[in-house]
N, C-alpha and C. Protein backbone atom coordinates (compact mmCIF):
# COMPACT_ATOMS: atom_id res chain seq x y z
N MET A 1 217.61 22.09 -110.04
CA MET A 1 218.87 23.01 -110.25
C MET A 1 218.47 24.38 -110.64
N LYS A 2 217.28 24.27 -111.48
CA LYS A 2 216.70 25.74 -111.98
C LYS A 2 216.14 26.56 -110.94
N LEU A 3 215.59 25.77 -109.94
CA LEU A 3 215.05 26.44 -108.83
C LEU A 3 215.91 27.25 -108.02
N LYS A 4 216.90 26.40 -107.54
CA LYS A 4 218.27 27.01 -106.64
C LYS A 4 218.82 28.32 -107.42
N ASN A 5 218.94 28.06 -108.87
CA ASN A 5 219.51 29.46 -109.73
C ASN A 5 218.48 30.44 -109.19
N LEU A 6 217.19 30.04 -109.46
CA LEU A 6 216.09 31.31 -109.45
C LEU A 6 216.23 31.78 -107.98
N ILE A 7 216.17 31.00 -106.96
CA ILE A 7 216.33 31.62 -105.64
C ILE A 7 217.38 32.44 -105.48
N ILE A 8 218.73 32.00 -105.56
CA ILE A 8 219.78 32.64 -105.28
C ILE A 8 219.86 33.92 -106.20
N SER A 9 219.45 33.72 -107.50
CA SER A 9 219.38 35.17 -108.26
C SER A 9 218.36 36.08 -107.62
N PHE A 10 217.24 35.54 -107.18
CA PHE A 10 216.20 36.46 -106.49
C PHE A 10 216.87 37.09 -105.28
N LEU A 11 217.43 36.23 -104.57
CA LEU A 11 218.10 36.97 -103.35
C LEU A 11 219.04 38.05 -103.53
N VAL A 12 220.07 37.53 -104.63
CA VAL A 12 221.07 38.57 -105.00
C VAL A 12 220.69 39.90 -105.51
N ILE A 13 219.39 39.91 -106.38
CA ILE A 13 219.03 40.86 -106.80
C ILE A 13 218.38 41.88 -105.73
N LEU A 14 217.58 41.27 -104.99
CA LEU A 14 217.11 41.74 -103.86
C LEU A 14 217.88 42.56 -102.73
N ILE A 15 219.02 41.83 -102.41
CA ILE A 15 220.13 42.41 -101.71
C ILE A 15 220.65 43.73 -102.27
N GLY A 16 220.72 43.63 -103.71
CA GLY A 16 221.12 44.70 -104.50
C GLY A 16 220.14 45.81 -104.46
N TRP A 17 219.06 45.54 -104.69
CA TRP A 17 217.89 46.53 -104.43
C TRP A 17 217.88 47.18 -103.13
N PHE A 18 217.96 46.52 -101.88
CA PHE A 18 218.18 47.11 -100.62
C PHE A 18 219.50 47.96 -100.45
N MET A 19 220.50 47.46 -101.05
CA MET A 19 221.63 48.24 -100.92
C MET A 19 221.51 49.46 -101.50
N LEU A 20 220.82 49.43 -102.97
CA LEU A 20 220.67 50.79 -103.79
C LEU A 20 219.62 51.85 -103.13
N THR A 21 218.60 51.33 -102.62
CA THR A 21 217.60 52.12 -102.04
C THR A 21 217.93 52.50 -100.64
N TRP A 22 218.54 51.49 -99.83
CA TRP A 22 218.73 51.88 -98.45
C TRP A 22 217.09 52.14 -97.80
N SER A 23 216.26 51.29 -98.00
CA SER A 23 214.90 51.72 -97.46
C SER A 23 214.27 50.31 -97.06
N LEU A 24 213.83 50.49 -96.09
CA LEU A 24 212.94 49.21 -95.52
C LEU A 24 211.29 49.59 -95.41
N GLU A 25 210.95 50.76 -96.17
CA GLU A 25 209.45 51.02 -96.19
C GLU A 25 208.91 49.80 -97.03
N LEU A 26 207.60 49.59 -96.68
CA LEU A 26 206.72 48.62 -97.16
C LEU A 26 206.75 48.70 -98.87
N LYS A 27 206.46 49.93 -99.32
CA LYS A 27 206.50 50.23 -100.51
C LYS A 27 207.52 49.91 -101.40
N SER A 28 208.77 50.19 -100.90
CA SER A 28 210.15 49.83 -101.61
C SER A 28 210.42 48.48 -101.35
N VAL A 29 209.96 47.65 -100.26
CA VAL A 29 210.24 46.27 -100.14
C VAL A 29 209.46 45.86 -101.07
N LEU A 30 208.23 45.85 -101.46
CA LEU A 30 207.17 45.51 -102.37
C LEU A 30 207.78 45.78 -103.81
N ILE A 31 208.14 46.94 -104.06
CA ILE A 31 208.87 46.94 -105.48
C ILE A 31 209.84 46.08 -105.65
N GLY A 32 210.91 46.11 -104.73
CA GLY A 32 212.21 45.28 -104.78
C GLY A 32 211.89 43.89 -104.85
N VAL A 33 211.07 43.39 -104.06
CA VAL A 33 210.48 41.80 -104.25
C VAL A 33 209.91 41.54 -105.51
N GLY A 34 209.06 42.45 -106.02
CA GLY A 34 208.50 42.67 -107.49
C GLY A 34 209.56 42.55 -108.45
N LEU A 35 210.53 43.47 -108.50
CA LEU A 35 211.46 43.34 -109.50
C LEU A 35 212.25 42.33 -109.59
N SER A 36 212.67 41.91 -108.33
CA SER A 36 213.58 40.52 -108.21
C SER A 36 212.91 39.50 -108.86
N VAL A 37 211.61 39.32 -108.60
CA VAL A 37 211.19 38.24 -108.96
C VAL A 37 211.00 38.22 -110.53
N ILE A 38 210.39 39.37 -111.01
CA ILE A 38 210.52 39.43 -112.44
C ILE A 38 211.82 39.30 -113.16
N LEU A 39 213.01 39.92 -112.82
CA LEU A 39 214.15 39.76 -113.20
C LEU A 39 214.60 38.38 -113.10
N SER A 40 214.45 37.68 -111.93
CA SER A 40 214.84 36.40 -111.85
C SER A 40 214.39 35.19 -112.82
N LEU A 41 213.00 35.56 -113.08
CA LEU A 41 212.23 34.78 -113.86
C LEU A 41 212.68 34.84 -115.54
N LEU A 42 212.89 36.19 -115.63
CA LEU A 42 213.10 36.64 -117.16
C LEU A 42 214.67 36.10 -117.59
N PHE A 43 215.57 36.45 -116.71
CA PHE A 43 216.81 36.33 -116.96
C PHE A 43 217.61 35.19 -116.25
N CYS A 44 217.39 34.67 -115.19
CA CYS A 44 218.08 34.06 -114.80
C CYS A 44 217.60 32.39 -114.36
N GLY A 45 216.66 32.09 -115.27
CA GLY A 45 216.33 30.67 -115.11
C GLY A 45 217.28 29.77 -115.83
N GLN A 46 217.88 30.24 -116.64
CA GLN A 46 218.91 29.22 -117.41
C GLN A 46 220.32 29.81 -117.02
N CYS A 47 220.35 30.57 -115.86
CA CYS A 47 221.92 31.09 -115.53
C CYS A 47 222.37 29.60 -114.86
N THR A 48 223.65 29.67 -115.16
CA THR A 48 224.50 28.45 -114.44
C THR A 48 225.51 28.93 -113.52
N ILE A 49 225.34 30.42 -113.37
CA ILE A 49 226.50 31.00 -112.47
C ILE A 49 226.21 30.70 -110.97
N PHE A 50 225.20 30.38 -110.47
CA PHE A 50 224.91 29.90 -109.10
C PHE A 50 224.88 28.58 -108.91
N SER A 51 224.81 27.64 -109.96
CA SER A 51 224.53 26.16 -110.15
C SER A 51 225.54 25.43 -109.22
N GLU A 52 226.75 25.91 -109.06
CA GLU A 52 227.71 25.15 -108.23
C GLU A 52 227.66 25.57 -106.72
N MET A 53 227.06 26.57 -106.63
CA MET A 53 227.11 27.08 -105.17
C MET A 53 226.25 26.45 -104.30
N LYS A 54 226.66 26.29 -102.77
CA LYS A 54 225.84 25.66 -101.92
C LYS A 54 224.62 26.62 -101.46
N LEU A 55 223.73 26.07 -101.26
CA LEU A 55 222.49 26.82 -100.74
C LEU A 55 222.33 26.35 -99.21
N THR A 56 223.20 26.70 -98.55
CA THR A 56 223.11 26.20 -97.02
C THR A 56 223.42 27.63 -96.19
N PRO A 57 223.00 27.77 -94.78
CA PRO A 57 223.32 28.66 -94.08
C PRO A 57 224.73 28.86 -94.03
N LYS A 58 225.44 27.91 -93.77
CA LYS A 58 226.91 27.93 -93.49
C LYS A 58 227.49 28.73 -94.98
N ALA A 59 227.20 28.23 -96.01
CA ALA A 59 227.88 28.73 -97.43
C ALA A 59 227.29 30.34 -97.52
N ILE A 60 226.18 30.81 -97.17
CA ILE A 60 225.53 32.01 -97.09
C ILE A 60 226.52 32.79 -96.25
N ILE A 61 226.74 32.36 -94.95
CA ILE A 61 227.59 33.12 -94.08
C ILE A 61 228.89 33.31 -94.56
N TYR A 62 229.31 32.22 -95.28
CA TYR A 62 230.86 32.15 -95.79
C TYR A 62 230.94 33.28 -96.89
N THR A 63 229.96 33.27 -97.64
CA THR A 63 229.88 34.30 -98.85
C THR A 63 229.94 35.72 -98.31
N PHE A 64 229.41 36.11 -97.30
CA PHE A 64 229.45 37.45 -96.45
C PHE A 64 230.80 37.67 -96.03
N ILE A 65 231.57 36.50 -95.49
CA ILE A 65 232.65 36.63 -94.83
C ILE A 65 233.81 36.73 -96.16
N TYR A 66 233.39 35.90 -97.20
CA TYR A 66 234.51 36.12 -98.28
C TYR A 66 234.15 37.73 -98.63
N LEU A 67 233.27 38.32 -98.78
CA LEU A 67 233.14 39.74 -99.42
C LEU A 67 233.95 40.59 -98.40
N PHE A 68 233.70 40.17 -97.08
CA PHE A 68 234.19 41.04 -96.18
C PHE A 68 236.04 40.93 -96.26
N VAL A 69 236.40 39.80 -96.29
CA VAL A 69 237.91 39.57 -96.56
C VAL A 69 238.27 40.22 -97.79
N PHE A 70 237.58 40.16 -98.78
CA PHE A 70 237.94 40.51 -100.15
C PHE A 70 238.12 42.07 -100.15
N LEU A 71 237.19 42.54 -99.54
CA LEU A 71 237.18 44.30 -99.30
C LEU A 71 238.48 44.67 -98.29
N VAL A 72 238.60 43.89 -97.49
CA VAL A 72 239.83 44.12 -96.62
C VAL A 72 241.00 44.06 -97.57
N GLU A 73 241.14 43.04 -98.09
CA GLU A 73 242.42 42.81 -98.93
C GLU A 73 242.46 43.74 -100.07
N LEU A 74 241.27 44.32 -100.75
CA LEU A 74 241.26 45.33 -101.62
C LEU A 74 241.84 46.60 -101.05
N VAL A 75 241.32 46.94 -99.98
CA VAL A 75 241.84 48.29 -99.51
C VAL A 75 243.44 48.13 -98.93
N LYS A 76 243.58 46.92 -98.39
CA LYS A 76 245.31 46.97 -98.05
C LYS A 76 246.28 47.06 -99.40
N ALA A 77 245.65 46.36 -100.49
CA ALA A 77 246.46 46.39 -101.67
C ALA A 77 246.45 47.74 -102.22
N ASN A 78 245.43 48.21 -102.22
CA ASN A 78 245.39 49.80 -102.63
C ASN A 78 246.05 50.55 -101.89
N ILE A 79 246.41 50.55 -100.57
CA ILE A 79 247.16 51.37 -99.79
C ILE A 79 248.60 50.86 -100.20
N ASP A 80 248.92 49.62 -100.19
CA ASP A 80 250.29 49.28 -100.73
C ASP A 80 250.80 49.80 -102.00
N VAL A 81 250.09 49.66 -103.14
CA VAL A 81 250.38 50.22 -104.49
C VAL A 81 250.40 51.65 -104.36
N THR A 82 249.65 52.40 -103.60
CA THR A 82 249.79 53.87 -103.77
C THR A 82 250.92 54.31 -102.90
N ARG A 83 251.29 53.55 -101.91
CA ARG A 83 252.58 53.85 -101.25
C ARG A 83 253.90 53.62 -102.28
N ARG A 84 253.78 52.47 -102.99
CA ARG A 84 254.84 52.15 -103.81
C ARG A 84 254.89 53.24 -105.08
N VAL A 85 253.83 53.59 -105.56
CA VAL A 85 253.68 54.50 -106.64
C VAL A 85 254.38 56.03 -106.30
N LEU A 86 253.94 56.31 -105.06
CA LEU A 86 254.28 57.68 -104.43
C LEU A 86 255.51 57.54 -103.98
N SER A 87 256.33 56.65 -103.89
CA SER A 87 257.58 56.57 -103.08
C SER A 87 258.56 56.92 -104.27
N PRO A 88 259.61 57.68 -103.97
CA PRO A 88 260.51 58.07 -105.28
C PRO A 88 261.37 57.05 -105.62
N LYS A 89 261.52 55.79 -104.84
CA LYS A 89 262.51 54.69 -105.32
C LYS A 89 261.65 53.82 -106.02
N MET A 90 260.27 53.89 -105.94
CA MET A 90 259.47 52.70 -106.70
C MET A 90 259.82 51.30 -106.30
N PRO A 91 259.74 50.92 -104.90
CA PRO A 91 260.17 49.71 -104.57
C PRO A 91 259.35 48.49 -104.73
N ILE A 92 259.61 48.11 -106.22
CA ILE A 92 259.17 46.97 -106.68
C ILE A 92 259.77 45.95 -107.18
N ASN A 93 259.18 44.59 -107.15
CA ASN A 93 260.09 43.51 -107.48
C ASN A 93 259.15 42.71 -108.34
N PRO A 94 258.60 43.14 -109.33
CA PRO A 94 257.56 42.36 -110.24
C PRO A 94 258.14 40.91 -110.74
N GLY A 95 257.24 40.11 -111.03
CA GLY A 95 257.68 38.71 -111.38
C GLY A 95 256.21 37.95 -111.73
N ILE A 96 256.34 36.97 -112.11
CA ILE A 96 255.19 35.96 -112.51
C ILE A 96 255.49 34.81 -111.46
N VAL A 97 254.36 34.50 -110.74
CA VAL A 97 254.45 33.43 -109.98
C VAL A 97 253.48 32.23 -110.24
N LYS A 98 253.84 30.94 -110.08
CA LYS A 98 253.12 29.96 -110.20
C LYS A 98 252.45 29.36 -108.99
N VAL A 99 251.08 29.30 -108.99
CA VAL A 99 250.35 28.80 -107.57
C VAL A 99 249.53 27.70 -107.90
N ASP A 100 249.00 27.05 -106.96
CA ASP A 100 248.17 25.82 -107.49
C ASP A 100 247.15 26.23 -106.31
N THR A 101 245.84 25.80 -106.88
CA THR A 101 244.64 25.70 -105.98
C THR A 101 244.04 24.29 -105.63
N HIS A 102 243.39 24.14 -104.70
CA HIS A 102 242.65 23.01 -104.45
C HIS A 102 241.35 23.04 -105.00
N LEU A 103 240.80 23.90 -105.51
CA LEU A 103 239.43 24.31 -105.69
C LEU A 103 239.18 23.49 -106.89
N LYS A 104 238.02 22.86 -106.92
CA LYS A 104 237.60 22.01 -108.17
C LYS A 104 236.51 22.60 -108.96
N SER A 105 235.65 23.39 -108.23
CA SER A 105 234.73 24.14 -109.01
C SER A 105 235.04 25.24 -109.76
N LYS A 106 234.47 24.99 -111.07
CA LYS A 106 235.01 26.10 -112.43
C LYS A 106 234.48 27.60 -111.65
N MET A 107 233.42 27.71 -111.08
CA MET A 107 233.01 28.91 -110.61
C MET A 107 233.61 29.81 -109.45
N ALA A 108 234.25 28.69 -108.46
CA ALA A 108 235.14 28.97 -107.49
C ALA A 108 236.44 29.32 -107.86
N ARG A 109 236.98 28.60 -109.06
CA ARG A 109 238.39 29.21 -109.59
C ARG A 109 238.15 30.58 -110.40
N LEU A 110 236.98 30.75 -110.91
CA LEU A 110 236.85 32.02 -111.66
C LEU A 110 236.84 33.24 -110.66
N ILE A 111 235.90 32.97 -109.76
CA ILE A 111 235.91 34.00 -108.59
C ILE A 111 237.26 34.35 -107.89
N LEU A 112 238.05 33.24 -107.56
CA LEU A 112 239.38 33.53 -107.10
C LEU A 112 240.18 34.10 -107.96
N ALA A 113 240.26 33.73 -109.29
CA ALA A 113 241.10 34.52 -110.64
C ALA A 113 240.61 35.98 -110.17
N ASN A 114 239.31 36.07 -110.62
CA ASN A 114 238.95 37.53 -110.40
C ASN A 114 239.25 38.24 -109.46
N SER A 115 239.06 37.64 -108.00
CA SER A 115 239.58 38.36 -106.80
C SER A 115 241.05 38.87 -106.79
N ILE A 116 241.84 38.08 -107.52
CA ILE A 116 243.45 38.25 -107.49
C ILE A 116 243.44 39.29 -108.43
N THR A 117 242.84 39.34 -109.52
CA THR A 117 243.04 40.32 -110.72
C THR A 117 242.38 41.67 -110.02
N LEU A 118 241.37 41.73 -109.38
CA LEU A 118 240.83 42.94 -108.93
C LEU A 118 241.54 43.48 -107.65
N THR A 119 242.58 42.84 -107.13
CA THR A 119 243.15 43.40 -106.08
C THR A 119 244.31 43.88 -106.60
N PRO A 120 244.84 45.37 -106.44
CA PRO A 120 245.74 45.98 -107.11
C PRO A 120 247.19 45.24 -106.67
N GLY A 121 248.06 45.24 -107.72
CA GLY A 121 249.38 44.68 -107.53
C GLY A 121 249.52 43.15 -107.97
N THR A 122 248.45 42.72 -108.26
CA THR A 122 248.48 41.24 -108.73
C THR A 122 247.30 41.26 -110.03
N PHE A 123 247.77 40.30 -110.76
CA PHE A 123 246.95 40.12 -112.22
C PHE A 123 246.82 38.64 -112.43
N THR A 124 245.89 37.89 -112.59
CA THR A 124 245.93 36.59 -113.15
C THR A 124 246.11 36.47 -114.62
N LEU A 125 247.11 36.09 -114.93
CA LEU A 125 247.48 36.00 -116.34
C LEU A 125 246.90 34.83 -117.16
N GLU A 126 246.96 33.57 -116.33
CA GLU A 126 246.30 32.32 -116.99
C GLU A 126 246.08 31.41 -116.01
N VAL A 127 244.81 30.74 -116.21
CA VAL A 127 244.44 29.69 -115.37
C VAL A 127 244.55 28.37 -116.27
N HIS A 128 245.18 27.48 -116.11
CA HIS A 128 245.44 25.89 -116.43
C HIS A 128 245.05 24.99 -115.60
N GLU A 129 243.76 24.45 -115.75
CA GLU A 129 243.22 23.53 -114.55
C GLU A 129 243.42 24.13 -113.22
N ASP A 130 244.18 23.42 -112.41
CA ASP A 130 244.55 23.68 -111.06
C ASP A 130 245.69 24.66 -110.95
N THR A 131 246.22 25.29 -111.85
CA THR A 131 247.29 26.18 -111.71
C THR A 131 247.25 27.56 -112.16
N PHE A 132 247.36 28.67 -111.39
CA PHE A 132 247.41 29.76 -111.70
C PHE A 132 248.66 30.60 -112.03
N TYR A 133 248.75 31.44 -112.76
CA TYR A 133 250.06 32.05 -113.29
C TYR A 133 249.69 33.59 -112.94
N ILE A 134 250.31 34.13 -111.99
CA ILE A 134 250.10 35.54 -111.41
C ILE A 134 250.98 36.52 -111.51
N HIS A 135 250.76 37.59 -112.26
CA HIS A 135 252.06 38.72 -112.08
C HIS A 135 251.72 39.31 -110.92
N TRP A 136 252.86 39.56 -110.13
CA TRP A 136 252.73 40.09 -108.84
C TRP A 136 253.74 41.04 -108.72
N ILE A 137 253.30 42.43 -108.29
CA ILE A 137 254.11 43.75 -108.42
C ILE A 137 255.13 43.56 -107.43
N ASP A 138 255.32 42.82 -106.32
CA ASP A 138 256.34 42.73 -105.44
C ASP A 138 256.36 41.15 -104.90
N VAL A 139 257.11 40.36 -105.87
CA VAL A 139 257.44 38.93 -105.38
C VAL A 139 258.18 38.90 -104.11
N LYS A 140 257.55 38.41 -103.15
CA LYS A 140 258.30 38.10 -101.95
C LYS A 140 258.63 36.57 -101.75
N HIS A 141 257.98 35.90 -102.46
CA HIS A 141 258.43 34.28 -102.40
C HIS A 141 258.45 33.86 -103.65
N ALA A 142 259.54 33.28 -104.47
CA ALA A 142 259.77 33.09 -105.54
C ALA A 142 259.17 31.52 -105.50
N ASP A 143 259.42 30.90 -104.38
CA ASP A 143 258.77 29.13 -104.47
C ASP A 143 257.27 29.32 -104.26
N GLU A 144 256.78 28.30 -105.01
CA GLU A 144 255.40 28.02 -105.14
C GLU A 144 254.41 28.05 -103.91
N ALA A 145 255.22 27.35 -102.86
CA ALA A 145 254.30 27.08 -101.52
C ALA A 145 254.17 28.38 -101.02
N HIS A 146 255.08 29.14 -100.88
CA HIS A 146 254.89 30.44 -100.05
C HIS A 146 254.00 31.52 -100.85
N ALA A 147 254.15 31.52 -102.06
CA ALA A 147 253.49 32.42 -103.14
C ALA A 147 252.01 31.89 -103.08
N THR A 148 251.79 30.71 -103.11
CA THR A 148 250.33 30.27 -102.97
C THR A 148 249.70 30.63 -101.52
N GLU A 149 250.54 30.40 -100.26
CA GLU A 149 250.14 30.91 -99.25
C GLU A 149 249.65 32.39 -99.06
N ASP A 150 250.65 33.27 -99.62
CA ASP A 150 250.52 34.74 -99.62
C ASP A 150 249.31 35.07 -100.49
N LEU A 151 249.07 34.62 -101.65
CA LEU A 151 248.05 35.18 -102.73
C LEU A 151 246.85 34.50 -102.57
N ILE A 152 246.68 33.32 -102.33
CA ILE A 152 245.37 32.70 -102.62
C ILE A 152 244.60 31.78 -101.25
N ARG A 153 245.33 31.63 -100.41
CA ARG A 153 244.97 30.56 -99.33
C ARG A 153 243.79 31.30 -98.61
N LYS A 154 243.77 32.47 -98.25
CA LYS A 154 242.78 33.16 -97.62
C LYS A 154 241.47 33.19 -98.16
N PHE A 155 241.57 33.36 -99.61
CA PHE A 155 240.30 33.38 -100.48
C PHE A 155 239.90 31.84 -100.61
N GLU A 156 240.79 31.02 -101.00
CA GLU A 156 240.49 29.60 -101.33
C GLU A 156 239.93 28.76 -100.45
N LYS A 157 240.14 28.95 -98.93
CA LYS A 157 239.46 28.38 -97.81
C LYS A 157 238.12 28.68 -97.68
N LEU A 158 237.85 29.99 -98.04
CA LEU A 158 236.39 30.36 -98.01
C LEU A 158 235.73 29.85 -99.24
N LEU A 159 236.19 30.14 -100.26
CA LEU A 159 235.56 29.40 -101.42
C LEU A 159 235.21 27.94 -101.38
N GLU A 160 236.04 27.39 -100.74
CA GLU A 160 235.82 25.90 -100.53
C GLU A 160 234.48 25.70 -99.85
N GLU A 161 234.21 26.47 -98.77
CA GLU A 161 232.97 26.37 -98.15
C GLU A 161 231.81 26.75 -98.71
N ILE A 162 232.09 27.61 -99.59
CA ILE A 162 230.98 28.17 -100.57
C ILE A 162 230.51 27.32 -101.66
N TYR A 163 231.44 26.78 -102.28
CA TYR A 163 231.25 25.99 -103.57
C TYR A 163 231.55 24.48 -103.32
N GLU A 164 232.27 23.95 -102.57
CA GLU A 164 232.52 22.44 -102.47
C GLU A 164 232.18 21.75 -101.45
C-alpha cells in the first residue's frame, strides 16, 4: 500500500512539474524526476489520499477523462452563473436538494463533494454516508432521482471506475 501511494504521488508531482515548466529538455526532466522522488519520499510515504485509488491503466485514463469532464462542467457552470448575475431579472430558483450516491470509497465521495462545491451554482452542504445535501442556485427538479441525475451521475460514473 505504501509503495502504491509513493508511485502515485511521484507521478502526480512529476505531471505537475511538467505542467509548470512546460519543458521536456533533459535537464528539466532530471530535475523534475529528482524533486518528485524526494518530495514523494519525504511527504507522501504515509499519505492515504491515494490508497483507495486503483492503479490500473483504465483507472488512469478515467482520471484524465474525469478532469476533462470536470473542466467542461466548470466552464458551463461559470457561464450559467455569469448569465444569471448579469440578467436584470436574476432568474434563480434556489433550494436544497438531497441526492444519493452509490460511491463507497470515502475518497471518491470527498472528490465528488468537492467537485460539486467547486462548480459555481452548487454547494455541498452536508455529506451523511451515501446522502449529499446540495444547495443549488436553480433547482430544476425537486425529486431526488432527477436531481441526482443532473448533479452527480456524470461525475459518479467516472469516480466508480477510478476508486471502486
